[in-house]
Amino acid sequence: MNIDSGKKDMDGQPSLTERWTFGSRLSILINKLGLTKKDFAKKVGVAPQTITNYCKDTHGPKHKFVDFVVDQFQVNRDWLMKGKGCIFSWQDAQLKGACGQQSESYNEVAQLQRDLAIKDRELAAVELAMGRLQGKIFDAVKSACLRLNLSPEQTRELQYAVMNYESVLEDAHTHRSAVGD
C-alpha cells in the first residue's frame, strides 16, 4: 500500500512522507505515543499480530480500525492514510503553521539546490569555453612569435606574460567586485 501522489523530491522520487507506507506511518505513530505494538494492540482492541501485519504492510487496515485510531488518539486521518499534514489533528494552528513552514522551507531549499545545479553546469560550460579561448590565445601568440622569428625562450616568456596578464585582469576584476560590494 505504497502511496504516490505524484509529488516528487529533488531526485524525481516521491516525497519522503509519501514514500512511507501506512505500516511505516503506523509504526511512527506507535513510537510517538510511547507504546509498544503489544500495548497499542490492547488499546485498540486487536490482536498484536494484526498490528504487526499492518506495520509490515502485509494487510491493509480496516476502515473501522482507522476510524478508531483517528478518534481515540486524535490522529490526522490524512497523515495516517496518505502521509500529508501533521501527525495529530489536535495540533493548534501555530503548530500546523510550523509544519507548513517546514514544508515551504524544504521546497525553497530544493529549489535552491536545483538552481545551484543549473549554475554549476553553466559555470562548467564557461570554464570549458575559457580553457578553449586560452588555448587559442597561446596558439596565436606562438604563431605570432614564429612569424617574428622569436626564439622558443622568447615565445615562452611572451606566453607567460599573456598568462600573467589574464591573472592581473582577474585580480583587478575580483578587487573591483569586492570594492563594489
N, C-alpha and C. Protein backbone atom coordinates (compact mmCIF):
# COMPACT_ATOMS: atom_id res chain seq x y z
N MET A 1 0.83 -1.18 0.00
CA MET A 1 0.00 0.00 0.00
C MET A 1 0.88 1.24 0.00
N ASN A 2 1.76 1.35 -0.97
CA ASN A 2 2.67 2.48 -1.10
C ASN A 2 1.95 3.61 -1.81
N ILE A 3 1.90 4.76 -1.19
CA ILE A 3 1.16 5.90 -1.71
C ILE A 3 2.10 6.76 -2.55
N ASP A 4 1.65 7.21 -3.74
CA ASP A 4 2.42 8.13 -4.57
C ASP A 4 1.46 9.12 -5.18
N SER A 5 1.46 10.36 -4.67
CA SER A 5 0.52 11.38 -5.15
C SER A 5 1.04 12.11 -6.37
N GLY A 6 2.24 11.77 -6.80
CA GLY A 6 2.81 12.47 -7.94
C GLY A 6 3.80 13.55 -7.53
N LYS A 7 3.82 13.95 -6.25
CA LYS A 7 4.80 14.94 -5.81
C LYS A 7 6.17 14.28 -5.79
N LYS A 8 7.15 14.99 -6.28
CA LYS A 8 8.49 14.43 -6.39
C LYS A 8 9.48 15.28 -5.60
N ASP A 9 10.55 14.62 -5.11
CA ASP A 9 11.61 15.36 -4.45
C ASP A 9 12.67 15.72 -5.50
N MET A 10 13.81 16.21 -5.07
CA MET A 10 14.85 16.66 -5.98
C MET A 10 15.35 15.56 -6.91
N ASP A 11 15.31 14.33 -6.47
CA ASP A 11 15.80 13.22 -7.28
C ASP A 11 14.71 12.62 -8.15
N GLY A 12 13.55 13.26 -8.19
CA GLY A 12 12.45 12.75 -9.01
C GLY A 12 11.70 11.60 -8.36
N GLN A 13 11.96 11.36 -7.08
CA GLN A 13 11.29 10.29 -6.34
C GLN A 13 10.09 10.89 -5.61
N PRO A 14 9.11 10.05 -5.25
CA PRO A 14 8.01 10.56 -4.42
C PRO A 14 8.59 11.19 -3.16
N SER A 15 7.95 12.25 -2.66
CA SER A 15 8.47 12.91 -1.47
C SER A 15 8.56 11.91 -0.33
N LEU A 16 9.47 12.18 0.61
CA LEU A 16 9.77 11.23 1.68
C LEU A 16 8.54 10.77 2.43
N THR A 17 7.66 11.72 2.83
CA THR A 17 6.49 11.31 3.61
C THR A 17 5.55 10.46 2.77
N GLU A 18 5.56 10.64 1.45
CA GLU A 18 4.66 9.87 0.61
C GLU A 18 5.26 8.53 0.21
N ARG A 19 6.56 8.34 0.42
CA ARG A 19 7.16 7.03 0.20
C ARG A 19 6.85 6.11 1.38
N TRP A 20 6.53 6.70 2.55
CA TRP A 20 6.17 5.89 3.70
C TRP A 20 4.85 5.20 3.40
N THR A 21 4.75 4.01 3.85
CA THR A 21 3.51 3.26 3.69
C THR A 21 2.64 3.47 4.92
N PHE A 22 1.41 2.97 4.84
CA PHE A 22 0.54 3.02 6.02
C PHE A 22 1.26 2.36 7.20
N GLY A 23 1.87 1.22 6.94
CA GLY A 23 2.56 0.49 8.01
C GLY A 23 3.67 1.28 8.66
N SER A 24 4.45 1.96 7.87
CA SER A 24 5.54 2.74 8.45
C SER A 24 5.00 3.93 9.23
N ARG A 25 3.90 4.55 8.73
CA ARG A 25 3.29 5.65 9.49
C ARG A 25 2.68 5.15 10.79
N LEU A 26 2.06 3.96 10.76
CA LEU A 26 1.51 3.39 11.99
C LEU A 26 2.62 3.13 13.00
N SER A 27 3.75 2.61 12.53
CA SER A 27 4.90 2.38 13.43
C SER A 27 5.38 3.70 14.04
N ILE A 28 5.44 4.75 13.22
CA ILE A 28 5.84 6.07 13.73
C ILE A 28 4.86 6.54 14.79
N LEU A 29 3.56 6.39 14.52
CA LEU A 29 2.54 6.80 15.49
C LEU A 29 2.70 6.06 16.81
N ILE A 30 2.86 4.76 16.73
CA ILE A 30 3.02 3.95 17.96
C ILE A 30 4.23 4.44 18.75
N ASN A 31 5.33 4.72 18.06
CA ASN A 31 6.53 5.24 18.75
C ASN A 31 6.26 6.61 19.36
N LYS A 32 5.57 7.48 18.61
CA LYS A 32 5.26 8.83 19.12
C LYS A 32 4.39 8.75 20.37
N LEU A 33 3.51 7.76 20.41
CA LEU A 33 2.64 7.58 21.57
C LEU A 33 3.39 6.95 22.74
N GLY A 34 4.61 6.49 22.52
CA GLY A 34 5.41 5.88 23.58
C GLY A 34 4.91 4.49 23.96
N LEU A 35 4.30 3.80 22.99
CA LEU A 35 3.75 2.47 23.26
C LEU A 35 4.52 1.40 22.51
N THR A 36 4.40 0.18 23.02
CA THR A 36 4.88 -0.96 22.24
C THR A 36 3.73 -1.38 21.33
N LYS A 37 4.04 -2.18 20.33
CA LYS A 37 2.98 -2.67 19.44
C LYS A 37 1.96 -3.49 20.22
N LYS A 38 2.44 -4.23 21.20
CA LYS A 38 1.55 -5.05 22.02
C LYS A 38 0.60 -4.17 22.83
N ASP A 39 1.15 -3.11 23.46
CA ASP A 39 0.31 -2.19 24.25
C ASP A 39 -0.68 -1.46 23.34
N PHE A 40 -0.21 -1.05 22.16
CA PHE A 40 -1.09 -0.35 21.22
C PHE A 40 -2.23 -1.28 20.80
N ALA A 41 -1.90 -2.55 20.53
CA ALA A 41 -2.92 -3.53 20.14
C ALA A 41 -3.99 -3.65 21.22
N LYS A 42 -3.58 -3.68 22.50
CA LYS A 42 -4.53 -3.76 23.60
C LYS A 42 -5.45 -2.55 23.62
N LYS A 43 -4.86 -1.36 23.42
CA LYS A 43 -5.64 -0.11 23.47
C LYS A 43 -6.67 -0.03 22.34
N VAL A 44 -6.34 -0.60 21.18
CA VAL A 44 -7.28 -0.51 20.05
C VAL A 44 -8.15 -1.77 19.93
N GLY A 45 -7.88 -2.77 20.78
CA GLY A 45 -8.73 -3.96 20.83
C GLY A 45 -8.53 -4.94 19.68
N VAL A 46 -7.28 -5.08 19.24
CA VAL A 46 -6.99 -6.08 18.21
C VAL A 46 -5.83 -6.94 18.69
N ALA A 47 -5.62 -8.03 18.00
CA ALA A 47 -4.51 -8.91 18.35
C ALA A 47 -3.18 -8.25 17.99
N PRO A 48 -2.13 -8.51 18.78
CA PRO A 48 -0.81 -7.96 18.46
C PRO A 48 -0.36 -8.32 17.03
N GLN A 49 -0.71 -9.51 16.58
CA GLN A 49 -0.33 -9.93 15.23
C GLN A 49 -0.97 -9.04 14.16
N THR A 50 -2.16 -8.54 14.43
CA THR A 50 -2.83 -7.64 13.49
C THR A 50 -2.00 -6.36 13.32
N ILE A 51 -1.53 -5.82 14.44
CA ILE A 51 -0.70 -4.61 14.39
C ILE A 51 0.60 -4.91 13.64
N THR A 52 1.19 -6.05 13.92
CA THR A 52 2.42 -6.44 13.21
C THR A 52 2.16 -6.52 11.72
N ASN A 53 1.04 -7.12 11.33
CA ASN A 53 0.70 -7.23 9.90
C ASN A 53 0.50 -5.86 9.27
N TYR A 54 -0.18 -4.96 10.00
CA TYR A 54 -0.37 -3.61 9.48
C TYR A 54 0.97 -2.90 9.32
N CYS A 55 1.83 -3.01 10.33
CA CYS A 55 3.12 -2.32 10.30
C CYS A 55 4.03 -2.86 9.19
N LYS A 56 3.88 -4.14 8.88
CA LYS A 56 4.67 -4.74 7.80
C LYS A 56 3.98 -4.61 6.45
N ASP A 57 2.81 -4.00 6.43
CA ASP A 57 2.02 -3.83 5.21
C ASP A 57 1.65 -5.15 4.54
N THR A 58 1.53 -6.22 5.36
CA THR A 58 1.08 -7.49 4.78
C THR A 58 -0.43 -7.49 4.63
N HIS A 59 -1.12 -6.66 5.43
CA HIS A 59 -2.56 -6.49 5.33
C HIS A 59 -2.87 -5.01 5.47
N GLY A 60 -3.84 -4.54 4.70
CA GLY A 60 -4.29 -3.16 4.83
C GLY A 60 -5.25 -3.04 6.00
N PRO A 61 -5.36 -1.85 6.58
CA PRO A 61 -6.23 -1.66 7.74
C PRO A 61 -7.71 -1.63 7.33
N LYS A 62 -8.54 -2.03 8.25
CA LYS A 62 -9.99 -1.93 8.04
C LYS A 62 -10.41 -0.51 8.39
N HIS A 63 -11.48 -0.03 7.74
CA HIS A 63 -11.96 1.33 7.99
C HIS A 63 -12.29 1.54 9.46
N LYS A 64 -12.88 0.51 10.07
CA LYS A 64 -13.25 0.61 11.49
C LYS A 64 -12.00 0.85 12.35
N PHE A 65 -10.91 0.16 12.03
CA PHE A 65 -9.65 0.32 12.76
C PHE A 65 -9.14 1.76 12.60
N VAL A 66 -9.11 2.24 11.36
CA VAL A 66 -8.62 3.59 11.09
C VAL A 66 -9.47 4.62 11.83
N ASP A 67 -10.80 4.46 11.76
CA ASP A 67 -11.70 5.39 12.45
C ASP A 67 -11.42 5.41 13.95
N PHE A 68 -11.21 4.21 14.53
CA PHE A 68 -10.95 4.12 15.96
C PHE A 68 -9.64 4.82 16.32
N VAL A 69 -8.58 4.57 15.56
CA VAL A 69 -7.28 5.17 15.84
C VAL A 69 -7.36 6.70 15.72
N VAL A 70 -8.02 7.17 14.66
CA VAL A 70 -8.17 8.62 14.45
C VAL A 70 -8.90 9.25 15.62
N ASP A 71 -10.00 8.63 16.06
CA ASP A 71 -10.80 9.19 17.16
C ASP A 71 -10.09 9.04 18.51
N GLN A 72 -9.59 7.84 18.79
CA GLN A 72 -9.00 7.54 20.09
C GLN A 72 -7.74 8.35 20.37
N PHE A 73 -6.88 8.52 19.35
CA PHE A 73 -5.59 9.16 19.56
C PHE A 73 -5.49 10.55 18.90
N GLN A 74 -6.63 11.03 18.39
CA GLN A 74 -6.71 12.34 17.72
C GLN A 74 -5.63 12.46 16.63
N VAL A 75 -5.58 11.44 15.78
CA VAL A 75 -4.62 11.39 14.69
C VAL A 75 -5.23 12.04 13.45
N ASN A 76 -4.42 12.73 12.71
CA ASN A 76 -4.83 13.33 11.45
C ASN A 76 -5.01 12.20 10.42
N ARG A 77 -6.22 12.01 9.97
CA ARG A 77 -6.53 10.92 9.03
C ARG A 77 -5.69 11.03 7.74
N ASP A 78 -5.52 12.26 7.24
CA ASP A 78 -4.72 12.45 6.01
C ASP A 78 -3.28 12.01 6.21
N TRP A 79 -2.74 12.28 7.39
CA TRP A 79 -1.37 11.85 7.65
C TRP A 79 -1.31 10.32 7.73
N LEU A 80 -2.23 9.73 8.48
CA LEU A 80 -2.21 8.29 8.68
C LEU A 80 -2.39 7.54 7.36
N MET A 81 -3.28 8.00 6.51
CA MET A 81 -3.59 7.28 5.28
C MET A 81 -2.72 7.70 4.09
N LYS A 82 -2.31 8.98 4.04
CA LYS A 82 -1.61 9.49 2.85
C LYS A 82 -0.26 10.12 3.13
N GLY A 83 0.06 10.31 4.41
CA GLY A 83 1.33 10.95 4.74
C GLY A 83 1.31 12.46 4.56
N LYS A 84 0.12 13.06 4.61
CA LYS A 84 0.00 14.51 4.39
C LYS A 84 -0.37 15.20 5.68
N GLY A 85 0.27 16.33 5.95
CA GLY A 85 -0.05 17.11 7.13
C GLY A 85 0.73 16.65 8.36
N CYS A 86 0.28 17.13 9.51
CA CYS A 86 0.90 16.78 10.78
C CYS A 86 0.29 15.48 11.30
N ILE A 87 0.97 14.85 12.23
CA ILE A 87 0.51 13.55 12.74
C ILE A 87 -0.81 13.68 13.50
N PHE A 88 -0.89 14.65 14.41
CA PHE A 88 -2.05 14.74 15.29
C PHE A 88 -3.00 15.86 14.85
N SER A 89 -4.30 15.57 14.89
CA SER A 89 -5.30 16.56 14.48
C SER A 89 -5.48 17.65 15.52
N TRP A 90 -5.10 17.39 16.77
CA TRP A 90 -5.29 18.37 17.82
C TRP A 90 -4.24 19.47 17.80
N GLN A 91 -3.28 19.36 16.94
CA GLN A 91 -2.24 20.38 16.92
C GLN A 91 -2.86 21.72 16.53
N ASP A 92 -2.50 22.75 17.27
CA ASP A 92 -3.11 24.06 17.04
C ASP A 92 -2.60 24.71 15.75
N ALA A 93 -3.19 25.82 15.41
CA ALA A 93 -2.86 26.49 14.15
C ALA A 93 -1.38 26.88 14.09
N GLN A 94 -0.82 27.24 15.23
CA GLN A 94 0.60 27.63 15.24
C GLN A 94 1.48 26.45 14.85
N LEU A 95 1.19 25.27 15.39
CA LEU A 95 1.98 24.09 15.07
C LEU A 95 1.75 23.68 13.63
N LYS A 96 0.50 23.75 13.18
CA LYS A 96 0.22 23.45 11.78
C LYS A 96 0.97 24.42 10.88
N GLY A 97 1.04 25.68 11.31
CA GLY A 97 1.80 26.68 10.57
C GLY A 97 3.27 26.30 10.50
N ALA A 98 3.79 25.76 11.62
CA ALA A 98 5.19 25.34 11.64
C ALA A 98 5.40 24.18 10.67
N CYS A 99 4.46 23.24 10.62
CA CYS A 99 4.58 22.13 9.66
C CYS A 99 4.59 22.68 8.25
N GLY A 100 3.72 23.63 7.98
CA GLY A 100 3.67 24.24 6.65
C GLY A 100 4.94 24.99 6.35
N GLN A 101 5.48 25.71 7.36
CA GLN A 101 6.72 26.45 7.16
C GLN A 101 7.86 25.49 6.87
N GLN A 102 7.90 24.34 7.55
CA GLN A 102 8.95 23.37 7.27
C GLN A 102 8.83 22.87 5.84
N SER A 103 7.61 22.63 5.41
CA SER A 103 7.39 22.16 4.05
C SER A 103 7.83 23.23 3.05
N GLU A 104 7.46 24.49 3.33
CA GLU A 104 7.86 25.58 2.45
C GLU A 104 9.38 25.71 2.44
N SER A 105 10.01 25.59 3.62
CA SER A 105 11.46 25.68 3.69
C SER A 105 12.11 24.56 2.90
N TYR A 106 11.57 23.36 3.02
CA TYR A 106 12.11 22.23 2.26
C TYR A 106 11.99 22.51 0.77
N ASN A 107 10.83 23.03 0.34
CA ASN A 107 10.64 23.34 -1.08
C ASN A 107 11.60 24.43 -1.53
N GLU A 108 11.83 25.44 -0.68
CA GLU A 108 12.76 26.50 -1.02
C GLU A 108 14.18 25.96 -1.15
N VAL A 109 14.59 25.10 -0.21
CA VAL A 109 15.92 24.50 -0.27
C VAL A 109 16.05 23.63 -1.51
N ALA A 110 15.03 22.86 -1.81
CA ALA A 110 15.07 22.01 -3.00
C ALA A 110 15.21 22.86 -4.26
N GLN A 111 14.47 23.98 -4.33
CA GLN A 111 14.57 24.86 -5.49
C GLN A 111 15.95 25.48 -5.58
N LEU A 112 16.51 25.89 -4.44
CA LEU A 112 17.86 26.46 -4.43
C LEU A 112 18.88 25.43 -4.89
N GLN A 113 18.71 24.17 -4.48
CA GLN A 113 19.64 23.13 -4.92
C GLN A 113 19.52 22.89 -6.43
N ARG A 114 18.30 22.93 -6.95
CA ARG A 114 18.14 22.79 -8.41
C ARG A 114 18.78 23.96 -9.14
N ASP A 115 18.56 25.19 -8.62
CA ASP A 115 19.17 26.37 -9.22
C ASP A 115 20.69 26.29 -9.18
N LEU A 116 21.22 25.82 -8.05
CA LEU A 116 22.67 25.69 -7.90
C LEU A 116 23.23 24.68 -8.91
N ALA A 117 22.53 23.58 -9.11
CA ALA A 117 22.98 22.58 -10.08
C ALA A 117 23.01 23.17 -11.49
N ILE A 118 22.01 23.99 -11.82
CA ILE A 118 21.99 24.66 -13.13
C ILE A 118 23.17 25.60 -13.25
N LYS A 119 23.41 26.40 -12.21
CA LYS A 119 24.53 27.35 -12.23
C LYS A 119 25.86 26.61 -12.32
N ASP A 120 25.99 25.47 -11.63
CA ASP A 120 27.22 24.67 -11.73
C ASP A 120 27.46 24.21 -13.16
N ARG A 121 26.39 23.77 -13.83
CA ARG A 121 26.54 23.34 -15.24
C ARG A 121 26.93 24.53 -16.11
N GLU A 122 26.31 25.68 -15.86
CA GLU A 122 26.65 26.88 -16.63
C GLU A 122 28.10 27.28 -16.40
N LEU A 123 28.54 27.22 -15.14
CA LEU A 123 29.92 27.56 -14.81
C LEU A 123 30.89 26.61 -15.49
N ALA A 124 30.57 25.32 -15.48
CA ALA A 124 31.44 24.34 -16.14
C ALA A 124 31.55 24.65 -17.64
N ALA A 125 30.45 25.06 -18.26
CA ALA A 125 30.47 25.41 -19.69
C ALA A 125 31.33 26.65 -19.92
N VAL A 126 31.24 27.64 -19.03
CA VAL A 126 32.05 28.85 -19.16
C VAL A 126 33.52 28.51 -18.98
N GLU A 127 33.84 27.68 -17.97
CA GLU A 127 35.23 27.30 -17.74
C GLU A 127 35.80 26.55 -18.94
N LEU A 128 35.00 25.69 -19.54
CA LEU A 128 35.43 24.97 -20.73
C LEU A 128 35.70 25.94 -21.87
N ALA A 129 34.80 26.89 -22.06
CA ALA A 129 34.98 27.89 -23.11
C ALA A 129 36.22 28.74 -22.85
N MET A 130 36.45 29.10 -21.57
CA MET A 130 37.63 29.89 -21.23
C MET A 130 38.90 29.10 -21.51
N GLY A 131 38.89 27.81 -21.18
CA GLY A 131 40.05 26.97 -21.46
C GLY A 131 40.34 26.90 -22.95
N ARG A 132 39.30 26.77 -23.75
CA ARG A 132 39.47 26.75 -25.21
C ARG A 132 40.01 28.09 -25.70
N LEU A 133 39.47 29.18 -25.14
CA LEU A 133 39.91 30.51 -25.53
C LEU A 133 41.37 30.72 -25.15
N GLN A 134 41.75 30.28 -23.96
CA GLN A 134 43.14 30.41 -23.53
C GLN A 134 44.06 29.64 -24.46
N GLY A 135 43.64 28.44 -24.86
CA GLY A 135 44.44 27.66 -25.82
C GLY A 135 44.59 28.38 -27.14
N LYS A 136 43.52 29.01 -27.61
CA LYS A 136 43.58 29.77 -28.87
C LYS A 136 44.52 30.96 -28.73
N ILE A 137 44.47 31.63 -27.57
CA ILE A 137 45.36 32.78 -27.34
C ILE A 137 46.82 32.33 -27.37
N PHE A 138 47.13 31.22 -26.68
CA PHE A 138 48.51 30.73 -26.68
C PHE A 138 48.95 30.32 -28.08
N ASP A 139 48.04 29.70 -28.83
CA ASP A 139 48.37 29.33 -30.21
C ASP A 139 48.63 30.57 -31.06
N ALA A 140 47.82 31.62 -30.86
CA ALA A 140 48.01 32.86 -31.60
C ALA A 140 49.34 33.51 -31.24
N VAL A 141 49.70 33.50 -29.95
CA VAL A 141 50.98 34.06 -29.51
C VAL A 141 52.12 33.27 -30.13
N LYS A 142 52.00 31.94 -30.11
CA LYS A 142 53.05 31.10 -30.68
C LYS A 142 53.20 31.35 -32.18
N SER A 143 52.09 31.47 -32.88
CA SER A 143 52.10 31.73 -34.31
C SER A 143 52.74 33.09 -34.61
N ALA A 144 52.41 34.10 -33.82
CA ALA A 144 53.00 35.43 -34.00
C ALA A 144 54.50 35.39 -33.74
N CYS A 145 54.89 34.64 -32.72
CA CYS A 145 56.31 34.52 -32.39
C CYS A 145 57.08 33.84 -33.52
N LEU A 146 56.47 32.84 -34.14
CA LEU A 146 57.11 32.16 -35.27
C LEU A 146 57.28 33.11 -36.45
N ARG A 147 56.25 33.92 -36.71
CA ARG A 147 56.34 34.88 -37.82
C ARG A 147 57.40 35.95 -37.54
N LEU A 148 57.58 36.25 -36.28
CA LEU A 148 58.58 37.26 -35.91
C LEU A 148 59.96 36.64 -35.68
N ASN A 149 60.06 35.34 -35.88
CA ASN A 149 61.33 34.60 -35.69
C ASN A 149 61.87 34.75 -34.27
N LEU A 150 60.97 34.71 -33.29
CA LEU A 150 61.42 34.76 -31.90
C LEU A 150 61.88 33.38 -31.46
N SER A 151 62.79 33.34 -30.54
CA SER A 151 63.31 32.06 -30.05
C SER A 151 62.24 31.38 -29.19
N PRO A 152 62.38 30.06 -28.96
CA PRO A 152 61.43 29.37 -28.08
C PRO A 152 61.38 29.99 -26.68
N GLU A 153 62.55 30.46 -26.22
CA GLU A 153 62.58 31.09 -24.89
C GLU A 153 61.77 32.38 -24.90
N GLN A 154 61.92 33.20 -25.94
CA GLN A 154 61.15 34.43 -26.06
C GLN A 154 59.66 34.13 -26.19
N THR A 155 59.33 33.05 -26.91
CA THR A 155 57.93 32.65 -27.08
C THR A 155 57.32 32.28 -25.72
N ARG A 156 58.07 31.48 -24.93
CA ARG A 156 57.58 31.09 -23.59
C ARG A 156 57.41 32.33 -22.71
N GLU A 157 58.36 33.28 -22.78
CA GLU A 157 58.25 34.49 -21.98
C GLU A 157 57.01 35.30 -22.36
N LEU A 158 56.75 35.39 -23.66
CA LEU A 158 55.58 36.12 -24.11
C LEU A 158 54.29 35.42 -23.68
N GLN A 159 54.28 34.06 -23.81
CA GLN A 159 53.10 33.31 -23.35
C GLN A 159 52.91 33.48 -21.85
N TYR A 160 54.02 33.46 -21.09
CA TYR A 160 53.95 33.67 -19.65
C TYR A 160 53.39 35.05 -19.34
N ALA A 161 53.84 36.06 -20.09
CA ALA A 161 53.35 37.42 -19.89
C ALA A 161 51.85 37.50 -20.17
N VAL A 162 51.40 36.82 -21.24
CA VAL A 162 49.98 36.80 -21.56
C VAL A 162 49.20 36.12 -20.43
N MET A 163 49.74 34.98 -19.94
CA MET A 163 49.06 34.27 -18.85
C MET A 163 48.99 35.16 -17.61
N ASN A 164 50.08 35.86 -17.29
CA ASN A 164 50.07 36.75 -16.13
C ASN A 164 49.15 37.93 -16.35
N TYR A 165 49.04 38.38 -17.58
CA TYR A 165 48.13 39.48 -17.90
C TYR A 165 46.70 39.08 -17.58
N GLU A 166 46.33 37.82 -17.93
CA GLU A 166 44.98 37.34 -17.59
C GLU A 166 44.80 37.27 -16.08
N SER A 167 45.85 36.87 -15.35
CA SER A 167 45.76 36.82 -13.89
C SER A 167 45.60 38.21 -13.32
N VAL A 168 46.32 39.18 -13.90
CA VAL A 168 46.21 40.56 -13.44
C VAL A 168 44.79 41.06 -13.68
N LEU A 169 44.22 40.73 -14.85
CA LEU A 169 42.84 41.13 -15.13
C LEU A 169 41.87 40.49 -14.15
N GLU A 170 42.07 39.19 -13.85
CA GLU A 170 41.20 38.51 -12.89
C GLU A 170 41.31 39.15 -11.52
N ASP A 171 42.55 39.47 -11.08
CA ASP A 171 42.75 40.13 -9.79
C ASP A 171 42.06 41.48 -9.76
N ALA A 172 42.18 42.25 -10.86
CA ALA A 172 41.54 43.57 -10.93
C ALA A 172 40.02 43.43 -10.87
N HIS A 173 39.48 42.44 -11.58
CA HIS A 173 38.04 42.21 -11.56
C HIS A 173 37.57 41.82 -10.16
N THR A 174 38.32 40.91 -9.51
CA THR A 174 37.97 40.48 -8.15
C THR A 174 38.02 41.67 -7.20
N HIS A 175 39.05 42.48 -7.33
CA HIS A 175 39.20 43.66 -6.47
C HIS A 175 38.05 44.63 -6.71
N ARG A 176 37.69 44.85 -7.99
CA ARG A 176 36.61 45.76 -8.34
C ARG A 176 35.29 45.24 -7.77
N SER A 177 35.08 43.92 -7.85
CA SER A 177 33.85 43.33 -7.31
C SER A 177 33.77 43.49 -5.81
N ALA A 178 34.92 43.27 -5.14
CA ALA A 178 34.97 43.37 -3.68
C ALA A 178 34.72 44.80 -3.23
N VAL A 179 35.28 45.76 -3.96
CA VAL A 179 35.10 47.15 -3.60
C VAL A 179 33.67 47.59 -3.88
N GLY A 180 33.09 47.06 -4.96
CA GLY A 180 31.71 47.41 -5.33
C GLY A 180 30.69 46.89 -4.36
N ASP A 181 30.98 45.82 -3.65
CA ASP A 181 30.02 45.23 -2.68
C ASP A 181 29.99 46.07 -1.48
